[in-house]
Protein backbone atom coordinates (compact mmCIF):
# COMPACT_ATOMS: atom_id res chain seq x y z
CA UNK A 1 -0.25 0.20 0.19
CA UNK A 2 0.97 3.23 -0.48
CA UNK A 3 1.44 6.49 1.97
CA UNK A 4 -1.95 7.90 1.36
CA UNK A 5 -3.48 4.66 2.98
CA UNK A 6 -2.30 4.62 6.00
CA UNK A 7 -3.90 4.90 9.20
CA UNK A 8 -2.91 7.91 11.51
CA UNK A 9 -0.51 6.91 14.19
CA UNK A 10 0.83 3.26 12.94
CA UNK A 11 4.20 2.60 12.55
CA UNK A 12 4.70 1.16 8.89
CA UNK A 13 8.27 0.25 7.55
CA UNK A 14 8.85 2.05 4.02
CA UNK A 15 9.29 -1.01 1.21
CA UNK A 16 9.65 0.69 -1.55
CA UNK A 17 9.88 4.27 -3.29
CA UNK A 18 8.42 4.26 -6.44
CA UNK A 19 9.07 7.48 -8.58
CA UNK A 20 8.67 5.89 -11.90
CA UNK A 21 12.05 7.22 -12.95
CA UNK A 22 11.74 10.67 -11.78
CA UNK A 23 15.24 11.18 -9.98
CA UNK A 24 14.63 14.95 -8.55
CA UNK A 25 11.82 13.24 -6.32
CA UNK A 26 13.86 10.21 -5.26
CA UNK A 27 16.17 12.12 -4.41
CA UNK A 28 14.20 14.46 -2.11
CA UNK A 29 12.59 11.88 -0.70
CA UNK A 30 16.28 10.17 0.02
CA UNK A 31 17.12 13.09 1.86
CA UNK A 32 14.13 13.37 4.01
CA UNK A 33 15.29 10.17 5.35
CA UNK A 34 12.80 7.83 3.05
CA UNK A 35 13.99 4.34 1.93
CA UNK A 36 13.61 1.07 2.17
CA UNK A 37 13.23 -0.41 5.50
CA UNK A 38 12.97 3.17 7.17
CA UNK A 39 9.99 3.18 9.55
CA UNK A 40 7.75 5.49 9.11
CA UNK A 41 4.79 7.11 10.83
CA UNK A 42 1.87 9.50 9.60
CA UNK A 43 0.82 11.77 12.09
CA UNK A 44 -1.78 13.75 10.56
CA UNK A 45 -3.70 13.81 7.32
CA UNK A 46 -5.48 17.23 5.73
CA UNK A 47 -4.85 18.30 2.81
CA UNK A 48 -1.16 16.87 2.63
CA UNK A 49 0.41 13.86 4.89
CA UNK A 50 2.45 15.62 8.22
CA UNK A 51 4.82 12.64 8.90
CA UNK A 52 7.40 11.28 11.74
CA UNK A 53 10.83 9.64 9.76
CA UNK A 54 14.00 9.32 12.57
CA UNK A 55 12.43 11.86 15.27
CA UNK A 56 11.76 14.35 12.44
CA UNK A 57 8.37 15.59 11.03
CA UNK A 58 7.40 16.72 7.45
CA UNK A 59 4.63 17.78 5.87
CA UNK A 60 4.92 15.96 2.35
CA UNK A 61 1.87 16.60 -0.70
CA UNK A 62 -0.68 13.63 -2.06
CA UNK A 63 1.74 12.90 -4.74
CA UNK A 64 5.01 12.57 -2.80
CA UNK A 65 2.70 9.99 -0.21
CA UNK A 66 2.06 7.64 -3.53
CA UNK A 67 5.65 6.99 -3.61
CA UNK A 68 6.47 5.57 -0.93
CA UNK A 69 5.08 1.90 -0.40
CA UNK A 70 4.36 1.23 3.19
CA UNK A 71 3.97 -2.29 4.75
CA UNK A 72 3.27 -2.83 8.85
């Protein structure tokens, strides 16, 4: 499932980053600490998603969230 489908407050493990060849998006997500094996939690959902990665919180848009594939 992608991050847009994740439940609030549940910790997930990133299984894959699927940017469909968009190297700039992949590089940006990597700079946030988003890569396979890393833990991620959706803290809040409004227009964008607020996520927690490595004790930091980020606001990401639905397009970025769709590229992050996770599992419980």
